Amino acid sequence: MKGRFSGVLSKEEEFLDKYVFYDLEDLNDGFDSPSIKYFSKDDFEKILDRAEFYGLKIFGIEPWPDRQFFNVRVYEEYDTSADNPEWYRDAYDRFLEEGVTSYFSATYGVPENLLKKFLI
């Protein structure tokens, strides 16, 4: 995504802020680029629910427990499409099984039809 570096939100960022991240706490207090949002376990579960509801794409999930890189999982590893909730829920569950409980981030894609429908 682009936009945050230029000071102007892209349409995708605007959609995500308004419809996906709207009541969640961004844990990024400056330890990473301001364009990357990090969330607690509970908040990230809400994001996954909302992503599934809207049919968003999640290209990758990258947790940073203790503000240190842990691992990344991407949809290509699952041989499926980025908007298939089975891949991102499995990836998330695997991170939980590995003991990760916070500082989850992801890369998202918002379908053009949603941008047209919700951001007139």
PDB file of N, CA and C in Angstrom:
ATOM      1  N   MET A   1       0.831  -1.171   0.000  1.00  0.00           N
ATOM      2  CA  MET A   1       0.000   0.000   0.000  1.00  0.00           C
ATOM      3  C   MET A   1       0.876   1.235   0.000  1.00  0.00           C
ATOM      4  N   LYS A   2       0.328   2.302  -0.520  1.00  0.00           N
ATOM      5  CA  LYS A   2       1.047   3.556  -0.534  1.00  0.00           C
ATOM      6  C   LYS A   2       0.207   4.588   0.182  1.00  0.00           C
ATOM      7  N   GLY A   3       0.681   5.790   0.232  1.00  0.00           N
ATOM      8  CA  GLY A   3      -0.151   6.842   0.766  1.00  0.00           C
ATOM      9  C   GLY A   3       0.350   7.431   2.060  1.00  0.00           C
ATOM     10  N   ARG A   4       0.620   6.630   3.048  1.00  0.00           N
ATOM     11  CA  ARG A   4       1.009   7.172   4.343  1.00  0.00           C
ATOM     12  C   ARG A   4       2.318   7.953   4.264  1.00  0.00           C
ATOM     13  N   PHE A   5       3.202   7.553   3.379  1.00  0.00           N
ATOM     14  CA  PHE A   5       4.466   8.264   3.254  1.00  0.00           C
ATOM     15  C   PHE A   5       4.270   9.637   2.628  1.00  0.00           C
ATOM     16  N   SER A   6       3.253   9.792   1.807  1.00  0.00           N
ATOM     17  CA  SER A   6       2.999  11.069   1.154  1.00  0.00           C
ATOM     18  C   SER A   6       2.074  11.954   1.981  1.00  0.00           C
ATOM     19  N   GLY A   7       1.530  11.421   3.060  1.00  0.00           N
ATOM     20  CA  GLY A   7       0.615  12.184   3.886  1.00  0.00           C
ATOM     21  C   GLY A   7      -0.834  12.109   3.422  1.00  0.00           C
ATOM     22  N   VAL A   8      -1.083  11.455   2.315  1.00  0.00           N
ATOM     23  CA  VAL A   8      -2.435  11.299   1.791  1.00  0.00           C
ATOM     24  C   VAL A   8      -2.762   9.809   1.766  1.00  0.00           C
ATOM     25  N   LEU A   9      -3.897   9.455   2.357  1.00  0.00           N
ATOM     26  CA  LEU A   9      -4.280   8.047   2.391  1.00  0.00           C
ATOM     27  C   LEU A   9      -4.695   7.568   1.008  1.00  0.00           C
ATOM     28  N   SER A  10      -4.256   6.371   0.657  1.00  0.00           N
ATOM     29  CA  SER A  10      -4.764   5.747  -0.557  1.00  0.00           C
ATOM     30  C   SER A  10      -6.199   5.311  -0.287  1.00  0.00           C
ATOM     31  N   LYS A  11      -6.925   4.977  -1.331  1.00  0.00           N
ATOM     32  CA  LYS A  11      -8.303   4.506  -1.166  1.00  0.00           C
ATOM     33  C   LYS A  11      -8.338   3.214  -0.351  1.00  0.00           C
ATOM     34  N   GLU A  12      -7.360   2.321  -0.573  1.00  0.00           N
ATOM     35  CA  GLU A  12      -7.315   1.079   0.208  1.00  0.00           C
ATOM     36  C   GLU A  12      -7.094   1.383   1.683  1.00  0.00           C
ATOM     37  N   GLU A  13      -6.164   2.272   1.987  1.00  0.00           N
ATOM     38  CA  GLU A  13      -5.906   2.634   3.385  1.00  0.00           C
ATOM     39  C   GLU A  13      -7.136   3.274   4.017  1.00  0.00           C
ATOM     40  N   GLU A  14      -7.804   4.120   3.263  1.00  0.00           N
ATOM     41  CA  GLU A  14      -9.014   4.765   3.764  1.00  0.00           C
ATOM     42  C   GLU A  14     -10.080   3.716   4.092  1.00  0.00           C
ATOM     43  N   PHE A  15     -10.271   2.753   3.197  1.00  0.00           N
ATOM     44  CA  PHE A  15     -11.247   1.689   3.441  1.00  0.00           C
ATOM     45  C   PHE A  15     -10.861   0.892   4.689  1.00  0.00           C
ATOM     46  N   LEU A  16      -9.600   0.483   4.774  1.00  0.00           N
ATOM     47  CA  LEU A  16      -9.162  -0.317   5.917  1.00  0.00           C
ATOM     48  C   LEU A  16      -9.341   0.444   7.223  1.00  0.00           C
ATOM     49  N   ASP A  17      -8.951   1.712   7.255  1.00  0.00           N
ATOM     50  CA  ASP A  17      -9.098   2.507   8.476  1.00  0.00           C
ATOM     51  C   ASP A  17     -10.563   2.658   8.868  1.00  0.00           C
ATOM     52  N   LYS A  18     -11.426   2.865   7.887  1.00  0.00           N
ATOM     53  CA  LYS A  18     -12.836   3.147   8.161  1.00  0.00           C
ATOM     54  C   LYS A  18     -13.661   1.900   8.472  1.00  0.00           C
ATOM     55  N   TYR A  19     -13.361   0.779   7.797  1.00  0.00           N
ATOM     56  CA  TYR A  19     -14.218  -0.401   7.910  1.00  0.00           C
ATOM     57  C   TYR A  19     -13.573  -1.623   8.560  1.00  0.00           C
ATOM     58  N   VAL A  20     -12.269  -1.613   8.728  1.00  0.00           N
ATOM     59  CA  VAL A  20     -11.602  -2.789   9.298  1.00  0.00           C
ATOM     60  C   VAL A  20     -10.900  -2.453  10.617  1.00  0.00           C
ATOM     61  N   PHE A  21     -10.156  -1.359  10.660  1.00  0.00           N
ATOM     62  CA  PHE A  21      -9.362  -1.014  11.845  1.00  0.00           C
ATOM     63  C   PHE A  21     -10.068  -0.042  12.788  1.00  0.00           C
ATOM     64  N   TYR A  22     -11.303   0.332  12.506  1.00  0.00           N
ATOM     65  CA  TYR A  22     -11.951   1.481  13.127  1.00  0.00           C
ATOM     66  C   TYR A  22     -12.001   1.506  14.649  1.00  0.00           C
ATOM     67  N   ASP A  23     -12.087   0.401  15.341  1.00  0.00           N
ATOM     68  CA  ASP A  23     -12.171   0.431  16.805  1.00  0.00           C
ATOM     69  C   ASP A  23     -11.047  -0.379  17.452  1.00  0.00           C
ATOM     70  N   LEU A  24      -9.946  -0.513  16.737  1.00  0.00           N
ATOM     71  CA  LEU A  24      -8.840  -1.346  17.196  1.00  0.00           C
ATOM     72  C   LEU A  24      -7.638  -0.484  17.565  1.00  0.00           C
ATOM     73  N   GLU A  25      -6.782  -1.016  18.426  1.00  0.00           N
ATOM     74  CA  GLU A  25      -5.598  -0.279  18.871  1.00  0.00           C
ATOM     75  C   GLU A  25      -4.373  -0.706  18.072  1.00  0.00           C
ATOM     76  N   ASP A  26      -3.779   0.257  17.390  1.00  0.00           N
ATOM     77  CA  ASP A  26      -2.521   0.022  16.674  1.00  0.00           C
ATOM     78  C   ASP A  26      -1.397   0.041  17.702  1.00  0.00           C
ATOM     79  N   LEU A  27      -0.683  -1.069  17.833  1.00  0.00           N
ATOM     80  CA  LEU A  27       0.391  -1.188  18.822  1.00  0.00           C
ATOM     81  C   LEU A  27       1.717  -0.604  18.342  1.00  0.00           C
ATOM     82  N   ASN A  28       1.762  -0.117  17.123  1.00  0.00           N
ATOM     83  CA  ASN A  28       2.997   0.469  16.599  1.00  0.00           C
ATOM     84  C   ASN A  28       3.179   1.848  17.228  1.00  0.00           C
ATOM     85  N   ASP A  29       4.064   1.903  18.205  1.00  0.00           N
ATOM     86  CA  ASP A  29       4.327   3.156  18.908  1.00  0.00           C
ATOM     87  C   ASP A  29       5.596   3.834  18.396  1.00  0.00           C
ATOM     88  N   GLY A  30       5.998   3.468  17.193  1.00  0.00           N
ATOM     89  CA  GLY A  30       7.178   4.068  16.596  1.00  0.00           C
ATOM     90  C   GLY A  30       8.313   3.092  16.384  1.00  0.00           C
ATOM     91  N   PHE A  31       8.121   1.832  16.759  1.00  0.00           N
ATOM     92  CA  PHE A  31       9.198   0.859  16.584  1.00  0.00           C
ATOM     93  C   PHE A  31       9.356   0.419  15.134  1.00  0.00           C
ATOM     94  N   ASP A  32       8.370   0.733  14.294  1.00  0.00           N
ATOM     95  CA  ASP A  32       8.436   0.396  12.870  1.00  0.00           C
ATOM     96  C   ASP A  32       7.851   1.562  12.080  1.00  0.00           C
ATOM     97  N   SER A  33       7.862   1.431  10.790  1.00  0.00           N
ATOM     98  CA  SER A  33       7.319   2.468   9.915  1.00  0.00           C
ATOM     99  C   SER A  33       5.877   2.789  10.309  1.00  0.00           C
ATOM    100  N   PRO A  34       5.505   4.065  10.309  1.00  0.00           N
ATOM    101  CA  PRO A  34       4.132   4.426  10.672  1.00  0.00           C
ATOM    102  C   PRO A  34       3.075   3.838   9.741  1.00  0.00           C
ATOM    103  N   SER A  35       3.472   3.401   8.560  1.00  0.00           N
ATOM    104  CA  SER A  35       2.499   2.836   7.623  1.00  0.00           C
ATOM    105  C   SER A  35       2.131   1.396   7.954  1.00  0.00           C
ATOM    106  N   ILE A  36       2.832   0.790   8.913  1.00  0.00           N
ATOM    107  CA  ILE A  36       2.571  -0.606   9.276  1.00  0.00           C
ATOM    108  C   ILE A  36       1.866  -0.640  10.621  1.00  0.00           C
ATOM    109  N   LYS A  37       0.689  -1.248  10.645  1.00  0.00           N
ATOM    110  CA  LYS A  37      -0.092  -1.348  11.876  1.00  0.00           C
ATOM    111  C   LYS A  37       0.111  -2.729  12.497  1.00  0.00           C
ATOM    112  N   TYR A  38       0.187  -2.747  13.816  1.00  0.00           N
ATOM    113  CA  TYR A  38       0.342  -3.984  14.582  1.00  0.00           C
ATOM    114  C   TYR A  38      -0.806  -4.088  15.575  1.00  0.00           C
ATOM    115  N   PHE A  39      -1.280  -5.333  15.777  1.00  0.00           N
ATOM    116  CA  PHE A  39      -2.450  -5.526  16.613  1.00  0.00           C
ATOM    117  C   PHE A  39      -2.267  -6.681  17.589  1.00  0.00           C
ATOM    118  N   SER A  40      -3.021  -6.612  18.680  1.00  0.00           N
ATOM    119  CA  SER A  40      -3.063  -7.698  19.657  1.00  0.00           C
ATOM    120  C   SER A  40      -3.772  -8.904  19.047  1.00  0.00           C
ATOM    121  N   LYS A  41      -3.687 -10.005  19.738  1.00  0.00           N
ATOM    122  CA  LYS A  41      -4.363 -11.234  19.315  1.00  0.00           C
ATOM    123  C   LYS A  41      -5.865 -10.988  19.135  1.00  0.00           C
ATOM    124  N   ASP A  42      -6.502 -10.406  20.137  1.00  0.00           N
ATOM    125  CA  ASP A  42      -7.953 -10.183  20.071  1.00  0.00           C
ATOM    126  C   ASP A  42      -8.332  -9.256  18.923  1.00  0.00           C
ATOM    127  N   ASP A  43      -7.571  -8.175  18.759  1.00  0.00           N
ATOM    128  CA  ASP A  43      -7.879  -7.252  17.669  1.00  0.00           C
ATOM    129  C   ASP A  43      -7.613  -7.886  16.305  1.00  0.00           C
ATOM    130  N   PHE A  44      -6.558  -8.684  16.201  1.00  0.00           N
ATOM    131  CA  PHE A  44      -6.263  -9.301  14.910  1.00  0.00           C
ATOM    132  C   PHE A  44      -7.334 -10.320  14.528  1.00  0.00           C
ATOM    133  N   GLU A  45      -7.910 -10.989  15.518  1.00  0.00           N
ATOM    134  CA  GLU A  45      -9.019 -11.904  15.227  1.00  0.00           C
ATOM    135  C   GLU A  45     -10.208 -11.143  14.646  1.00  0.00           C
ATOM    136  N   LYS A  46     -10.452  -9.932  15.143  1.00  0.00           N
ATOM    137  CA  LYS A  46     -11.516  -9.097  14.576  1.00  0.00           C
ATOM    138  C   LYS A  46     -11.187  -8.726  13.132  1.00  0.00           C
ATOM    139  N   ILE A  47      -9.924  -8.431  12.876  1.00  0.00           N
ATOM    140  CA  ILE A  47      -9.504  -8.097  11.516  1.00  0.00           C
ATOM    141  C   ILE A  47      -9.759  -9.270  10.581  1.00  0.00           C
ATOM    142  N   LEU A  48      -9.413 -10.481  11.017  1.00  0.00           N
ATOM    143  CA  LEU A  48      -9.645 -11.656  10.174  1.00  0.00           C
ATOM    144  C   LEU A  48     -11.136 -11.849   9.906  1.00  0.00           C
ATOM    145  N   ASP A  49     -11.963 -11.632  10.930  1.00  0.00           N
ATOM    146  CA  ASP A  49     -13.416 -11.739  10.741  1.00  0.00           C
ATOM    147  C   ASP A  49     -13.910 -10.713   9.728  1.00  0.00           C
ATOM    148  N   ARG A  50     -13.423  -9.494   9.843  1.00  0.00           N
ATOM    149  CA  ARG A  50     -13.852  -8.426   8.935  1.00  0.00           C
ATOM    150  C   ARG A  50     -13.319  -8.663   7.525  1.00  0.00           C
ATOM    151  N   ALA A  51     -12.103  -9.168   7.430  1.00  0.00           N
ATOM    152  CA  ALA A  51     -11.538  -9.483   6.111  1.00  0.00           C
ATOM    153  C   ALA A  51     -12.394 -10.534   5.416  1.00  0.00           C
ATOM    154  N   GLU A  52     -12.800 -11.538   6.165  1.00  0.00           N
ATOM    155  CA  GLU A  52     -13.653 -12.579   5.581  1.00  0.00           C
ATOM    156  C   GLU A  52     -15.019 -11.998   5.188  1.00  0.00           C
ATOM    157  N   PHE A  53     -15.588 -11.175   6.033  1.00  0.00           N
ATOM    158  CA  PHE A  53     -16.892 -10.572   5.757  1.00  0.00           C
ATOM    159  C   PHE A  53     -16.871  -9.761   4.462  1.00  0.00           C
ATOM    160  N   TYR A  54     -15.832  -8.952   4.283  1.00  0.00           N
ATOM    161  CA  TYR A  54     -15.748  -8.090   3.106  1.00  0.00           C
ATOM    162  C   TYR A  54     -15.105  -8.764   1.896  1.00  0.00           C
ATOM    163  N   GLY A  55     -14.522  -9.937   2.090  1.00  0.00           N
ATOM    164  CA  GLY A  55     -13.838 -10.601   0.984  1.00  0.00           C
ATOM    165  C   GLY A  55     -12.508  -9.952   0.633  1.00  0.00           C
ATOM    166  N   LEU A  56     -11.823  -9.427   1.656  1.00  0.00           N
ATOM    167  CA  LEU A  56     -10.529  -8.784   1.443  1.00  0.00           C
ATOM    168  C   LEU A  56      -9.461  -9.820   1.152  1.00  0.00           C
ATOM    169  N   LYS A  57      -8.408  -9.370   0.534  1.00  0.00           N
ATOM    170  CA  LYS A  57      -7.233 -10.210   0.318  1.00  0.00           C
ATOM    171  C   LYS A  57      -6.260  -9.967   1.465  1.00  0.00           C
ATOM    172  N   ILE A  58      -5.679 -11.041   1.961  1.00  0.00           N
ATOM    173  CA  ILE A  58      -4.561 -10.929   2.895  1.00  0.00           C
ATOM    174  C   ILE A  58      -3.407 -11.648   2.221  1.00  0.00           C
ATOM    175  N   PHE A  59      -2.397 -10.888   1.870  1.00  0.00           N
ATOM    176  CA  PHE A  59      -1.262 -11.439   1.134  1.00  0.00           C
ATOM    177  C   PHE A  59      -0.250 -12.104   2.054  1.00  0.00           C
ATOM    178  N   GLY A  60      -0.117 -11.589   3.265  1.00  0.00           N
ATOM    179  CA  GLY A  60       0.832 -12.157   4.204  1.00  0.00           C
ATOM    180  C   GLY A  60       0.535 -11.706   5.617  1.00  0.00           C
ATOM    181  N   ILE A  61       0.932 -12.535   6.580  1.00  0.00           N
ATOM    182  CA  ILE A  61       0.811 -12.214   8.004  1.00  0.00           C
ATOM    183  C   ILE A  61       2.207 -12.281   8.594  1.00  0.00           C
ATOM    184  N   GLU A  62       2.557 -11.239   9.342  1.00  0.00           N
ATOM    185  CA  GLU A  62       3.904 -11.139   9.906  1.00  0.00           C
ATOM    186  C   GLU A  62       3.823 -10.654  11.352  1.00  0.00           C
ATOM    187  N   PRO A  63       3.973 -11.544  12.319  1.00  0.00           N
ATOM    188  CA  PRO A  63       3.975 -11.110  13.715  1.00  0.00           C
ATOM    189  C   PRO A  63       5.381 -10.698  14.173  1.00  0.00           C
ATOM    190  N   TRP A  64       5.407  -9.734  15.068  1.00  0.00           N
ATOM    191  CA  TRP A  64       6.663  -9.249  15.650  1.00  0.00           C
ATOM    192  C   TRP A  64       6.553  -9.277  17.177  1.00  0.00           C
ATOM    193  N   PRO A  65       6.482 -10.459  17.788  1.00  0.00           N
ATOM    194  CA  PRO A  65       6.399 -10.499  19.252  1.00  0.00           C
ATOM    195  C   PRO A  65       7.643  -9.850  19.849  1.00  0.00           C
ATOM    196  N   ASP A  66       7.462  -9.139  20.935  1.00  0.00           N
ATOM    197  CA  ASP A  66       8.568  -8.418  21.580  1.00  0.00           C
ATOM    198  C   ASP A  66       9.234  -7.449  20.609  1.00  0.00           C
ATOM    199  N   ARG A  67       8.482  -7.022  19.606  1.00  0.00           N
ATOM    200  CA  ARG A  67       8.957  -6.055  18.608  1.00  0.00           C
ATOM    201  C   ARG A  67      10.165  -6.552  17.821  1.00  0.00           C
ATOM    202  N   GLN A  68      10.244  -7.859  17.688  1.00  0.00           N
ATOM    203  CA  GLN A  68      11.312  -8.491  16.918  1.00  0.00           C
ATOM    204  C   GLN A  68      10.670  -9.390  15.863  1.00  0.00           C
ATOM    205  N   PHE A  69      11.270  -9.399  14.673  1.00  0.00           N
ATOM    206  CA  PHE A  69      10.734 -10.250  13.611  1.00  0.00           C
ATOM    207  C   PHE A  69      10.677 -11.698  14.073  1.00  0.00           C
ATOM    208  N   PHE A  70       9.546 -12.358  13.811  1.00  0.00           N
ATOM    209  CA  PHE A  70       9.377 -13.761  14.180  1.00  0.00           C
ATOM    210  C   PHE A  70       9.338 -14.644  12.942  1.00  0.00           C
ATOM    211  N   ASN A  71       8.397 -14.362  12.053  1.00  0.00           N
ATOM    212  CA  ASN A  71       8.218 -15.179  10.861  1.00  0.00           C
ATOM    213  C   ASN A  71       7.193 -14.482   9.969  1.00  0.00           C
ATOM    214  N   VAL A  72       7.042 -14.981   8.781  1.00  0.00           N
ATOM    215  CA  VAL A  72       6.005 -14.479   7.886  1.00  0.00           C
ATOM    216  C   VAL A  72       5.406 -15.673   7.154  1.00  0.00           C
ATOM    217  N   ARG A  73       4.115 -15.603   6.944  1.00  0.00           N
ATOM    218  CA  ARG A  73       3.438 -16.613   6.136  1.00  0.00           C
ATOM    219  C   ARG A  73       2.652 -15.880   5.064  1.00  0.00           C
ATOM    220  N   VAL A  74       2.708 -16.413   3.844  1.00  0.00           N
ATOM    221  CA  VAL A  74       2.047 -15.766   2.714  1.00  0.00           C
ATOM    222  C   VAL A  74       1.110 -16.753   2.030  1.00  0.00           C
ATOM    223  N   TYR A  75       0.141 -16.208   1.343  1.00  0.00           N
ATOM    224  CA  TYR A  75      -0.900 -17.057   0.746  1.00  0.00           C
ATOM    225  C   TYR A  75      -0.342 -18.032  -0.285  1.00  0.00           C
ATOM    226  N   GLU A  76       0.755 -17.686  -0.951  1.00  0.00           N
ATOM    227  CA  GLU A  76       1.334 -18.584  -1.958  1.00  0.00           C
ATOM    228  C   GLU A  76       1.767 -19.922  -1.356  1.00  0.00           C
ATOM    229  N   GLU A  77       2.126 -19.918  -0.072  1.00  0.00           N
ATOM    230  CA  GLU A  77       2.516 -21.162   0.603  1.00  0.00           C
ATOM    231  C   GLU A  77       1.348 -22.141   0.690  1.00  0.00           C
ATOM    232  N   TYR A  78       0.144 -21.649   0.557  1.00  0.00           N
ATOM    233  CA  TYR A  78      -1.059 -22.462   0.709  1.00  0.00           C
ATOM    234  C   TYR A  78      -1.687 -22.838  -0.624  1.00  0.00           C
ATOM    235  N   ASP A  79      -1.089 -22.411  -1.712  1.00  0.00           N
ATOM    236  CA  ASP A  79      -1.586 -22.738  -3.050  1.00  0.00           C
ATOM    237  C   ASP A  79      -3.068 -22.391  -3.195  1.00  0.00           C
ATOM    238  N   THR A  80      -3.390 -21.155  -2.808  1.00  0.00           N
ATOM    239  CA  THR A  80      -4.768 -20.683  -2.883  1.00  0.00           C
ATOM    240  C   THR A  80      -4.757 -19.192  -3.175  1.00  0.00           C
ATOM    241  N   SER A  81      -5.928 -18.605  -3.233  1.00  0.00           N
ATOM    242  CA  SER A  81      -6.024 -17.164  -3.480  1.00  0.00           C
ATOM    243  C   SER A  81      -5.895 -16.393  -2.166  1.00  0.00           C
ATOM    244  N   ALA A  82      -5.493 -15.142  -2.274  1.00  0.00           N
ATOM    245  CA  ALA A  82      -5.265 -14.306  -1.098  1.00  0.00           C
ATOM    246  C   ALA A  82      -6.554 -13.999  -0.342  1.00  0.00           C
ATOM    247  N   ASP A  83      -7.707 -14.145  -0.996  1.00  0.00           N
ATOM    248  CA  ASP A  83      -8.972 -13.862  -0.318  1.00  0.00           C
ATOM    249  C   ASP A  83      -9.635 -15.111   0.271  1.00  0.00           C
ATOM    250  N   ASN A  84      -8.923 -16.225   0.278  1.00  0.00           N
ATOM    251  CA  ASN A  84      -9.447 -17.461   0.861  1.00  0.00           C
ATOM    252  C   ASN A  84      -9.166 -17.457   2.365  1.00  0.00           C
ATOM    253  N   PRO A  85     -10.200 -17.349   3.206  1.00  0.00           N
ATOM    254  CA  PRO A  85      -9.974 -17.273   4.650  1.00  0.00           C
ATOM    255  C   PRO A  85      -9.327 -18.519   5.245  1.00  0.00           C
ATOM    256  N   GLU A  86      -9.412 -19.638   4.558  1.00  0.00           N
ATOM    257  CA  GLU A  86      -8.790 -20.851   5.096  1.00  0.00           C
ATOM    258  C   GLU A  86      -7.288 -20.664   5.266  1.00  0.00           C
ATOM    259  N   TRP A  87      -6.633 -20.007   4.308  1.00  0.00           N
ATOM    260  CA  TRP A  87      -5.182 -19.849   4.413  1.00  0.00           C
ATOM    261  C   TRP A  87      -4.819 -18.928   5.563  1.00  0.00           C
ATOM    262  N   TYR A  88      -5.472 -17.760   5.656  1.00  0.00           N
ATOM    263  CA  TYR A  88      -5.019 -16.819   6.682  1.00  0.00           C
ATOM    264  C   TYR A  88      -5.444 -17.233   8.083  1.00  0.00           C
ATOM    265  N   ARG A  89      -6.526 -17.965   8.202  1.00  0.00           N
ATOM    266  CA  ARG A  89      -6.888 -18.478   9.530  1.00  0.00           C
ATOM    267  C   ARG A  89      -5.934 -19.598   9.964  1.00  0.00           C
ATOM    268  N   ASP A  90      -5.538 -20.454   9.029  1.00  0.00           N
ATOM    269  CA  ASP A  90      -4.569 -21.498   9.352  1.00  0.00           C
ATOM    270  C   ASP A  90      -3.219 -20.887   9.724  1.00  0.00           C
ATOM    271  N   ALA A  91      -2.776 -19.907   8.961  1.00  0.00           N
ATOM    272  CA  ALA A  91      -1.498 -19.254   9.255  1.00  0.00           C
ATOM    273  C   ALA A  91      -1.535 -18.616  10.640  1.00  0.00           C
ATOM    274  N   TYR A  92      -2.615 -17.923  10.939  1.00  0.00           N
ATOM    275  CA  TYR A  92      -2.775 -17.282  12.245  1.00  0.00           C
ATOM    276  C   TYR A  92      -2.783 -18.325  13.366  1.00  0.00           C
ATOM    277  N   ASP A  93      -3.552 -19.403  13.195  1.00  0.00           N
ATOM    278  CA  ASP A  93      -3.598 -20.467  14.203  1.00  0.00           C
ATOM    279  C   ASP A  93      -2.218 -21.078  14.435  1.00  0.00           C
ATOM    280  N   ARG A  94      -1.455 -21.238  13.382  1.00  0.00           N
ATOM    281  CA  ARG A  94      -0.101 -21.789  13.524  1.00  0.00           C
ATOM    282  C   ARG A  94       0.789 -20.846  14.328  1.00  0.00           C
ATOM    283  N   PHE A  95       0.655 -19.555  14.104  1.00  0.00           N
ATOM    284  CA  PHE A  95       1.420 -18.596  14.911  1.00  0.00           C
ATOM    285  C   PHE A  95       1.030 -18.698  16.383  1.00  0.00           C
ATOM    286  N   LEU A  96      -0.263 -18.830  16.660  1.00  0.00           N
ATOM    287  CA  LEU A  96      -0.706 -18.976  18.046  1.00  0.00           C
ATOM    288  C   LEU A  96      -0.122 -20.237  18.669  1.00  0.00           C
ATOM    289  N   GLU A  97      -0.130 -21.338  17.915  1.00  0.00           N
ATOM    290  CA  GLU A  97       0.441 -22.595  18.416  1.00  0.00           C
ATOM    291  C   GLU A  97       1.930 -22.454  18.715  1.00  0.00           C
ATOM    292  N   GLU A  98       2.596 -21.559  17.999  1.00  0.00           N
ATOM    293  CA  GLU A  98       4.021 -21.315  18.214  1.00  0.00           C
ATOM    294  C   GLU A  98       4.269 -20.313  19.338  1.00  0.00           C
ATOM    295  N   GLY A  99       3.206 -19.855  19.993  1.00  0.00           N
ATOM    296  CA  GLY A  99       3.348 -18.988  21.152  1.00  0.00           C
ATOM    297  C   GLY A  99       3.259 -17.497  20.893  1.00  0.00           C
ATOM    298  N   VAL A 100       2.950 -17.098  19.675  1.00  0.00           N
ATOM    299  CA  VAL A 100       2.827 -15.672  19.371  1.00  0.00           C
ATOM    300  C   VAL A 100       1.464 -15.189  19.870  1.00  0.00           C
ATOM    301  N   THR A 101       1.453 -14.103  20.628  1.00  0.00           N
ATOM    302  CA  THR A 101       0.196 -13.603  21.182  1.00  0.00           C
ATOM    303  C   THR A 101      -0.065 -12.129  20.889  1.00  0.00           C
ATOM    304  N   SER A 102       0.856 -11.444  20.231  1.00  0.00           N
ATOM    305  CA  SER A 102       0.642 -10.028  19.968  1.00  0.00           C
ATOM    306  C   SER A 102       1.544  -9.529  18.853  1.00  0.00           C
ATOM    307  N   TYR A 103       1.314  -8.297  18.465  1.00  0.00           N
ATOM    308  CA  TYR A 103       2.062  -7.617  17.406  1.00  0.00           C
ATOM    309  C   TYR A 103       1.926  -8.333  16.055  1.00  0.00           C
ATOM    310  N   PHE A 104       0.663  -8.546  15.669  1.00  0.00           N
ATOM    311  CA  PHE A 104       0.365  -9.133  14.362  1.00  0.00           C
ATOM    312  C   PHE A 104       0.187  -8.018  13.337  1.00  0.00           C
ATOM    313  N   SER A 105       0.807  -8.183  12.187  1.00  0.00           N
ATOM    314  CA  SER A 105       0.578  -7.263  11.073  1.00  0.00           C
ATOM    315  C   SER A 105       0.282  -8.096   9.835  1.00  0.00           C
ATOM    316  N   ALA A 106      -0.255  -7.438   8.838  1.00  0.00           N
ATOM    317  CA  ALA A 106      -0.583  -8.141   7.596  1.00  0.00           C
ATOM    318  C   ALA A 106      -0.533  -7.151   6.442  1.00  0.00           C
ATOM    319  N   THR A 107      -0.491  -7.716   5.255  1.00  0.00           N
ATOM    320  CA  THR A 107      -0.583  -6.935   4.026  1.00  0.00           C
ATOM    321  C   THR A 107      -1.931  -7.266   3.394  1.00  0.00           C
ATOM    322  N   TYR A 108      -2.698  -6.224   3.085  1.00  0.00           N
ATOM    323  CA  TYR A 108      -4.083  -6.387   2.661  1.00  0.00           C
ATOM    324  C   TYR A 108      -4.301  -5.903   1.234  1.00  0.00           C
ATOM    325  N   GLY A 109      -5.347  -6.417   0.634  1.00  0.00           N
ATOM    326  CA  GLY A 109      -5.818  -5.934  -0.651  1.00  0.00           C
ATOM    327  C   GLY A 109      -7.326  -5.764  -0.594  1.00  0.00           C
ATOM    328  N   VAL A 110      -7.794  -4.623  -1.068  1.00  0.00           N
ATOM    329  CA  VAL A 110      -9.226  -4.329  -1.059  1.00  0.00           C
ATOM    330  C   VAL A 110      -9.735  -4.376  -2.496  1.00  0.00           C
ATOM    331  N   PRO A 111     -10.706  -5.237  -2.780  1.00  0.00           N
ATOM    332  CA  PRO A 111     -11.243  -5.315  -4.142  1.00  0.00           C
ATOM    333  C   PRO A 111     -11.806  -3.971  -4.615  1.00  0.00           C
ATOM    334  N   GLU A 112     -11.617  -3.705  -5.872  1.00  0.00           N
ATOM    335  CA  GLU A 112     -12.057  -2.439  -6.470  1.00  0.00           C
ATOM    336  C   GLU A 112     -13.555  -2.203  -6.272  1.00  0.00           C
ATOM    337  N   ASN A 113     -14.361  -3.269  -6.344  1.00  0.00           N
ATOM    338  CA  ASN A 113     -15.809  -3.091  -6.181  1.00  0.00           C
ATOM    339  C   ASN A 113     -16.163  -2.561  -4.793  1.00  0.00           C
ATOM    340  N   LEU A 114     -15.395  -2.929  -3.764  1.00  0.00           N
ATOM    341  CA  LEU A 114     -15.652  -2.403  -2.420  1.00  0.00           C
ATOM    342  C   LEU A 114     -15.282  -0.932  -2.335  1.00  0.00           C
ATOM    343  N   LEU A 115     -14.174  -0.573  -2.955  1.00  0.00           N
ATOM    344  CA  LEU A 115     -13.766   0.833  -2.948  1.00  0.00           C
ATOM    345  C   LEU A 115     -14.834   1.694  -3.614  1.00  0.00           C
ATOM    346  N   LYS A 116     -15.376   1.211  -4.718  1.00  0.00           N
ATOM    347  CA  LYS A 116     -16.415   1.967  -5.432  1.00  0.00           C
ATOM    348  C   LYS A 116     -17.716   2.022  -4.635  1.00  0.00           C
ATOM    349  N   LYS A 117     -18.047   0.938  -3.959  1.00  0.00           N
ATOM    350  CA  LYS A 117     -19.306   0.872  -3.217  1.00  0.00           C
ATOM    351  C   LYS A 117     -19.278   1.707  -1.938  1.00  0.00           C
ATOM    352  N   PHE A 118     -18.157   1.667  -1.210  1.00  0.00           N
ATOM    353  CA  PHE A 118     -18.103   2.284   0.110  1.00  0.00           C
ATOM    354  C   PHE A 118     -17.424   3.646   0.143  1.00  0.00           C
ATOM    355  N   LEU A 119     -16.621   3.955  -0.847  1.00  0.00           N
ATOM    356  CA  LEU A 119     -15.893   5.228  -0.847  1.00  0.00           C
ATOM    357  C   LEU A 119     -16.283   6.044  -2.069  1.00  0.00           C
ATOM    358  N   ILE A 120     -17.426   6.647  -1.989  1.00  0.00           N
ATOM    359  CA  ILE A 120     -17.945   7.428  -3.118  1.00  0.00           C
ATOM    360  C   ILE A 120     -17.333   8.812  -3.107  1.00  0.00           C
TER     361      ILE A 120
END
